[in-house]
């Protein structure tokens, strides 16, 4: 294995990986986290090692499922609202070491942008509905006015016709 100073290449990758990495044992206690995970969840590595993963992650059901079924969960997205964080996770067991590892890709920025677009679309639809409603009101008012003036014109024409007919008699 490649060695750089006192750390192996793998240790350097672990330290510099921008994705949050967490390892828990089969009893769901945190055994290892990388600096990106600590930044994402605003925790101190020394404080959380040995703690129950549920204290930070709240729900560890996916970790338990992965362990019990010896399967991999890929691409599951989850929001951690307390940390203003939205991630895509890959969770996998490493049975020979009795651990479960999880890689978390921070998708917060993309999620917020998507939410803003949804909000913008909803506001646009609302404005369009408002404009159409206003146009319908104006059309109804115009139709009412046209109806009134048409009725007045008809009354006037009928009077003129009556006068002309009386003169012809």
C-alpha atoms as a PDB file:
ATOM      1  CA  UNK A   1       0.000   0.000   0.000  1.00  0.00           C
ATOM      2  CA  UNK A   2       1.190   3.498  -0.813  1.00  0.00           C
ATOM      3  CA  UNK A   3       2.465   5.365   2.228  1.00  0.00           C
ATOM      4  CA  UNK A   4       2.556   9.169   2.472  1.00  0.00           C
ATOM      5  CA  UNK A   5       4.307  10.354   5.629  1.00  0.00           C
ATOM      6  CA  UNK A   6       2.647   8.480   8.506  1.00  0.00           C
ATOM      7  CA  UNK A   7      -0.704   7.946   6.734  1.00  0.00           C
ATOM      8  CA  UNK A   8      -1.591   5.449   4.038  1.00  0.00           C
ATOM      9  CA  UNK A   9      -3.318   6.570   0.871  1.00  0.00           C
ATOM     10  CA  UNK A  10      -6.566   5.058   2.167  1.00  0.00           C
ATOM     11  CA  UNK A  11      -6.343   7.078   5.370  1.00  0.00           C
ATOM     12  CA  UNK A  12      -5.779  10.238   3.356  1.00  0.00           C
ATOM     13  CA  UNK A  13      -8.748   9.434   1.122  1.00  0.00           C
ATOM     14  CA  UNK A  14     -10.859   8.867   4.246  1.00  0.00           C
ATOM     15  CA  UNK A  15      -9.784  12.234   5.658  1.00  0.00           C
ATOM     16  CA  UNK A  16     -10.242  14.230   2.442  1.00  0.00           C
ATOM     17  CA  UNK A  17     -13.330  12.553   0.988  1.00  0.00           C
ATOM     18  CA  UNK A  18     -16.016  15.261   0.621  1.00  0.00           C
ATOM     19  CA  UNK A  19     -18.708  12.654   1.308  1.00  0.00           C
ATOM     20  CA  UNK A  20     -19.772  11.893   4.842  1.00  0.00           C
ATOM     21  CA  UNK A  21     -18.545   8.467   5.897  1.00  0.00           C
ATOM     22  CA  UNK A  22     -19.774   6.666   8.997  1.00  0.00           C
ATOM     23  CA  UNK A  23     -19.109   3.151  10.270  1.00  0.00           C
ATOM     24  CA  UNK A  24     -21.217   1.477  12.954  1.00  0.00           C
ATOM     25  CA  UNK A  25     -20.896  -1.919  14.561  1.00  0.00           C
ATOM     26  CA  UNK A  26     -23.669  -4.532  14.514  1.00  0.00           C
ATOM     27  CA  UNK A  27     -25.096  -3.077  17.753  1.00  0.00           C
ATOM     28  CA  UNK A  28     -25.468   0.313  15.980  1.00  0.00           C
ATOM     29  CA  UNK A  29     -22.700   2.096  17.894  1.00  0.00           C
ATOM     30  CA  UNK A  30     -20.549   4.542  15.946  1.00  0.00           C
ATOM     31  CA  UNK A  31     -17.013   3.238  15.473  1.00  0.00           C
ATOM     32  CA  UNK A  32     -15.657   5.654  12.898  1.00  0.00           C
ATOM     33  CA  UNK A  33     -16.564   8.889  11.095  1.00  0.00           C
ATOM     34  CA  UNK A  34     -14.629  11.088   8.707  1.00  0.00           C
ATOM     35  CA  UNK A  35     -14.246  14.893   8.891  1.00  0.00           C
ATOM     36  CA  UNK A  36     -16.881  15.470   6.179  1.00  0.00           C
ATOM     37  CA  UNK A  37     -19.463  13.573   8.255  1.00  0.00           C
ATOM     38  CA  UNK A  38     -18.560  15.683  11.303  1.00  0.00           C
ATOM     39  CA  UNK A  39     -19.033  18.883   9.259  1.00  0.00           C
ATOM     40  CA  UNK A  40     -22.328  17.690   7.806  1.00  0.00           C
ATOM     41  CA  UNK A  41     -23.791  16.822  11.200  1.00  0.00           C
ATOM     42  CA  UNK A  42     -21.901  19.490  13.171  1.00  0.00           C
ATOM     43  CA  UNK A  43     -20.426  16.994  15.614  1.00  0.00           C
ATOM     44  CA  UNK A  44     -17.026  16.312  17.122  1.00  0.00           C
ATOM     45  CA  UNK A  45     -15.451  12.965  16.192  1.00  0.00           C
ATOM     46  CA  UNK A  46     -14.142  12.196  19.689  1.00  0.00           C
ATOM     47  CA  UNK A  47     -17.545  12.928  21.232  1.00  0.00           C
ATOM     48  CA  UNK A  48     -19.603  10.644  19.023  1.00  0.00           C
ATOM     49  CA  UNK A  49     -17.351   7.590  18.714  1.00  0.00           C
ATOM     50  CA  UNK A  50     -18.953   4.832  20.808  1.00  0.00           C
ATOM     51  CA  UNK A  51     -22.345   6.592  20.889  1.00  0.00           C
ATOM     52  CA  UNK A  52     -25.564   5.098  19.555  1.00  0.00           C
ATOM     53  CA  UNK A  53     -25.914   6.032  15.870  1.00  0.00           C
ATOM     54  CA  UNK A  54     -29.579   6.862  16.478  1.00  0.00           C
ATOM     55  CA  UNK A  55     -28.503   9.895  18.550  1.00  0.00           C
ATOM     56  CA  UNK A  56     -27.282  11.576  15.368  1.00  0.00           C
ATOM     57  CA  UNK A  57     -29.051   9.765  12.544  1.00  0.00           C
ATOM     58  CA  UNK A  58     -32.355   9.403  14.447  1.00  0.00           C
ATOM     59  CA  UNK A  59     -33.490   6.365  12.417  1.00  0.00           C
ATOM     60  CA  UNK A  60     -31.064   3.452  12.009  1.00  0.00           C
ATOM     61  CA  UNK A  61     -33.600   1.033  10.524  1.00  0.00           C
ATOM     62  CA  UNK A  62     -31.786   0.977   7.150  1.00  0.00           C
ATOM     63  CA  UNK A  63     -28.537   0.039   8.909  1.00  0.00           C
ATOM     64  CA  UNK A  64     -30.314  -2.785  10.739  1.00  0.00           C
ATOM     65  CA  UNK A  65     -31.936  -4.024   7.527  1.00  0.00           C
ATOM     66  CA  UNK A  66     -28.583  -4.019   5.728  1.00  0.00           C
ATOM     67  CA  UNK A  67     -27.003  -5.994   8.563  1.00  0.00           C
ATOM     68  CA  UNK A  68     -29.829  -8.507   9.002  1.00  0.00           C
ATOM     69  CA  UNK A  69     -30.364  -9.159   5.285  1.00  0.00           C
ATOM     70  CA  UNK A  70     -26.707  -8.836   4.250  1.00  0.00           C
ATOM     71  CA  UNK A  71     -27.720  -6.453   1.473  1.00  0.00           C
ATOM     72  CA  UNK A  72     -26.734  -3.071   0.115  1.00  0.00           C
ATOM     73  CA  UNK A  73     -28.998  -0.032   0.012  1.00  0.00           C
ATOM     74  CA  UNK A  74     -28.014   2.321  -2.807  1.00  0.00           C
ATOM     75  CA  UNK A  75     -29.206   5.804  -3.608  1.00  0.00           C
ATOM     76  CA  UNK A  76     -31.667   6.240  -0.770  1.00  0.00           C
ATOM     77  CA  UNK A  77     -32.312   9.923  -0.122  1.00  0.00           C
ATOM     78  CA  UNK A  78     -33.030  11.289   3.311  1.00  0.00           C
ATOM     79  CA  UNK A  79     -33.523  14.656   4.947  1.00  0.00           C
ATOM     80  CA  UNK A  80     -32.016  15.517   8.317  1.00  0.00           C
ATOM     81  CA  UNK A  81     -34.020  18.634   9.054  1.00  0.00           C
ATOM     82  CA  UNK A  82     -32.301  19.341  12.396  1.00  0.00           C
ATOM     83  CA  UNK A  83     -29.046  19.756  10.476  1.00  0.00           C
ATOM     84  CA  UNK A  84     -30.550  21.426   7.384  1.00  0.00           C
ATOM     85  CA  UNK A  85     -29.124  18.502   5.425  1.00  0.00           C
ATOM     86  CA  UNK A  86     -30.358  16.338   2.540  1.00  0.00           C
ATOM     87  CA  UNK A  87     -28.232  13.338   1.536  1.00  0.00           C
ATOM     88  CA  UNK A  88     -28.131  10.379  -0.821  1.00  0.00           C
ATOM     89  CA  UNK A  89     -26.845   7.284   0.981  1.00  0.00           C
ATOM     90  CA  UNK A  90     -25.181   3.990   0.178  1.00  0.00           C
ATOM     91  CA  UNK A  91     -25.218   1.591   3.127  1.00  0.00           C
ATOM     92  CA  UNK A  92     -23.406  -1.741   3.054  1.00  0.00           C
ATOM     93  CA  UNK A  93     -22.327  -4.407   5.540  1.00  0.00           C
ATOM     94  CA  UNK A  94     -18.782  -5.641   5.944  1.00  0.00           C
ATOM     95  CA  UNK A  95     -19.591  -8.898   7.735  1.00  0.00           C
ATOM     96  CA  UNK A  96     -15.994 -10.080   8.238  1.00  0.00           C
ATOM     97  CA  UNK A  97     -15.349  -6.926  10.296  1.00  0.00           C
ATOM     98  CA  UNK A  98     -18.803  -6.913  11.980  1.00  0.00           C
ATOM     99  CA  UNK A  99     -19.486  -3.364  10.738  1.00  0.00           C
ATOM    100  CA  UNK A 100     -21.883  -1.434   8.546  1.00  0.00           C
ATOM    101  CA  UNK A 101     -20.558   1.454   6.475  1.00  0.00           C
ATOM    102  CA  UNK A 102     -22.469   4.349   5.023  1.00  0.00           C
ATOM    103  CA  UNK A 103     -21.426   6.904   2.441  1.00  0.00           C
ATOM    104  CA  UNK A 104     -23.495  10.103   2.436  1.00  0.00           C
ATOM    105  CA  UNK A 105     -23.416  12.474  -0.502  1.00  0.00           C
ATOM    106  CA  UNK A 106     -24.601  15.964   0.450  1.00  0.00           C
ATOM    107  CA  UNK A 107     -27.467  16.878  -1.903  1.00  0.00           C
ATOM    108  CA  UNK A 108     -28.717  19.828   0.159  1.00  0.00           C
ATOM    109  CA  UNK A 109     -27.982  22.482  -2.454  1.00  0.00           C
ATOM    110  CA  UNK A 110     -29.692  20.526  -5.247  1.00  0.00           C
ATOM    111  CA  UNK A 111     -32.657  19.708  -3.004  1.00  0.00           C
ATOM    112  CA  UNK A 112     -33.102  23.370  -2.036  1.00  0.00           C
ATOM    113  CA  UNK A 113     -32.894  24.418  -5.685  1.00  0.00           C
ATOM    114  CA  UNK A 114     -35.527  21.814  -6.571  1.00  0.00           C
ATOM    115  CA  UNK A 115     -37.768  23.049  -3.754  1.00  0.00           C
ATOM    116  CA  UNK A 116     -37.356  26.653  -4.960  1.00  0.00           C
ATOM    117  CA  UNK A 117     -38.337  25.605  -8.499  1.00  0.00           C
ATOM    118  CA  UNK A 118     -41.421  23.799  -7.185  1.00  0.00           C
ATOM    119  CA  UNK A 119     -42.351  26.913  -5.193  1.00  0.00           C
ATOM    120  CA  UNK A 120     -41.768  29.166  -8.214  1.00  0.00           C
ATOM    121  CA  UNK A 121     -43.927  26.932 -10.425  1.00  0.00           C
ATOM    122  CA  UNK A 122     -46.712  26.919  -7.833  1.00  0.00           C
ATOM    123  CA  UNK A 123     -46.561  30.720  -7.539  1.00  0.00           C
ATOM    124  CA  UNK A 124     -46.632  31.047 -11.345  1.00  0.00           C
ATOM    125  CA  UNK A 125     -49.682  28.774 -11.615  1.00  0.00           C
ATOM    126  CA  UNK A 126     -51.370  30.791  -8.870  1.00  0.00           C
ATOM    127  CA  UNK A 127     -50.652  34.090 -10.688  1.00  0.00           C
ATOM    128  CA  UNK A 128     -51.922  32.691 -13.997  1.00  0.00           C
ATOM    129  CA  UNK A 129     -55.136  31.547 -12.285  1.00  0.00           C
ATOM    130  CA  UNK A 130     -55.512  34.994 -10.727  1.00  0.00           C
ATOM    131  CA  UNK A 131     -55.073  36.717 -14.115  1.00  0.00           C
ATOM    132  CA  UNK A 132     -57.577  34.368 -15.785  1.00  0.00           C
ATOM    133  CA  UNK A 133     -60.081  34.954 -12.943  1.00  0.00           C
ATOM    134  CA  UNK A 134     -59.687  38.725 -13.343  1.00  0.00           C
ATOM    135  CA  UNK A 135     -60.141  38.454 -17.118  1.00  0.00           C
ATOM    136  CA  UNK A 136     -63.297  36.394 -16.593  1.00  0.00           C
ATOM    137  CA  UNK A 137     -64.698  39.082 -14.268  1.00  0.00           C
ATOM    138  CA  UNK A 138     -63.924  41.796 -16.820  1.00  0.00           C
ATOM    139  CA  UNK A 139     -65.507  39.755 -19.619  1.00  0.00           C
ATOM    140  CA  UNK A 140     -68.623  39.233 -17.494  1.00  0.00           C
ATOM    141  CA  UNK A 141     -68.804  42.968 -16.724  1.00  0.00           C
ATOM    142  CA  UNK A 142     -68.370  43.842 -20.416  1.00  0.00           C
ATOM    143  CA  UNK A 143     -70.992  41.271 -21.378  1.00  0.00           C
ATOM    144  CA  UNK A 144     -73.352  42.733 -18.787  1.00  0.00           C
ATOM    145  CA  UNK A 145     -72.768  46.269 -20.069  1.00  0.00           C
ATOM    146  CA  UNK A 146     -73.209  45.149 -23.674  1.00  0.00           C
ATOM    147  CA  UNK A 147     -76.405  43.365 -22.689  1.00  0.00           C
ATOM    148  CA  UNK A 148     -77.742  46.518 -21.003  1.00  0.00           C
ATOM    149  CA  UNK A 149     -76.847  48.815 -23.898  1.00  0.00           C
ATOM    150  CA  UNK A 150     -78.210  46.309 -26.419  1.00  0.00           C
ATOM    151  CA  UNK A 151     -81.477  46.152 -24.475  1.00  0.00           C
ATOM    152  CA  UNK A 152     -81.641  49.977 -24.336  1.00  0.00           C
ATOM    153  CA  UNK A 153     -80.917  50.156 -28.069  1.00  0.00           C
ATOM    154  CA  UNK A 154     -83.664  47.622 -28.753  1.00  0.00           C
ATOM    155  CA  UNK A 155     -86.158  49.598 -26.657  1.00  0.00           C
ATOM    156  CA  UNK A 156     -85.228  52.779 -28.507  1.00  0.00           C
ATOM    157  CA  UNK A 157     -85.484  51.056 -31.902  1.00  0.00           C
ATOM    158  CA  UNK A 158     -88.878  49.596 -31.000  1.00  0.00           C
ATOM    159  CA  UNK A 159     -90.110  53.073 -30.061  1.00  0.00           C
ATOM    160  CA  UNK A 160     -88.806  54.451 -33.367  1.00  0.00           C
ATOM    161  CA  UNK A 161     -90.464  51.599 -35.273  1.00  0.00           C
ATOM    162  CA  UNK A 162     -93.752  52.220 -33.440  1.00  0.00           C
ATOM    163  CA  UNK A 163     -93.559  55.941 -34.278  1.00  0.00           C
ATOM    164  CA  UNK A 164     -92.775  55.202 -37.935  1.00  0.00           C
ATOM    165  CA  UNK A 165     -95.625  52.678 -38.124  1.00  0.00           C
ATOM    166  CA  UNK A 166     -98.058  55.130 -36.544  1.00  0.00           C
ATOM    167  CA  UNK A 167     -97.070  57.778 -39.045  1.00  0.00           C
ATOM    168  CA  UNK A 168     -97.610  55.354 -41.895  1.00  0.00           C
ATOM    169  CA  UNK A 169    -101.110  54.559 -40.755  1.00  0.00           C
END
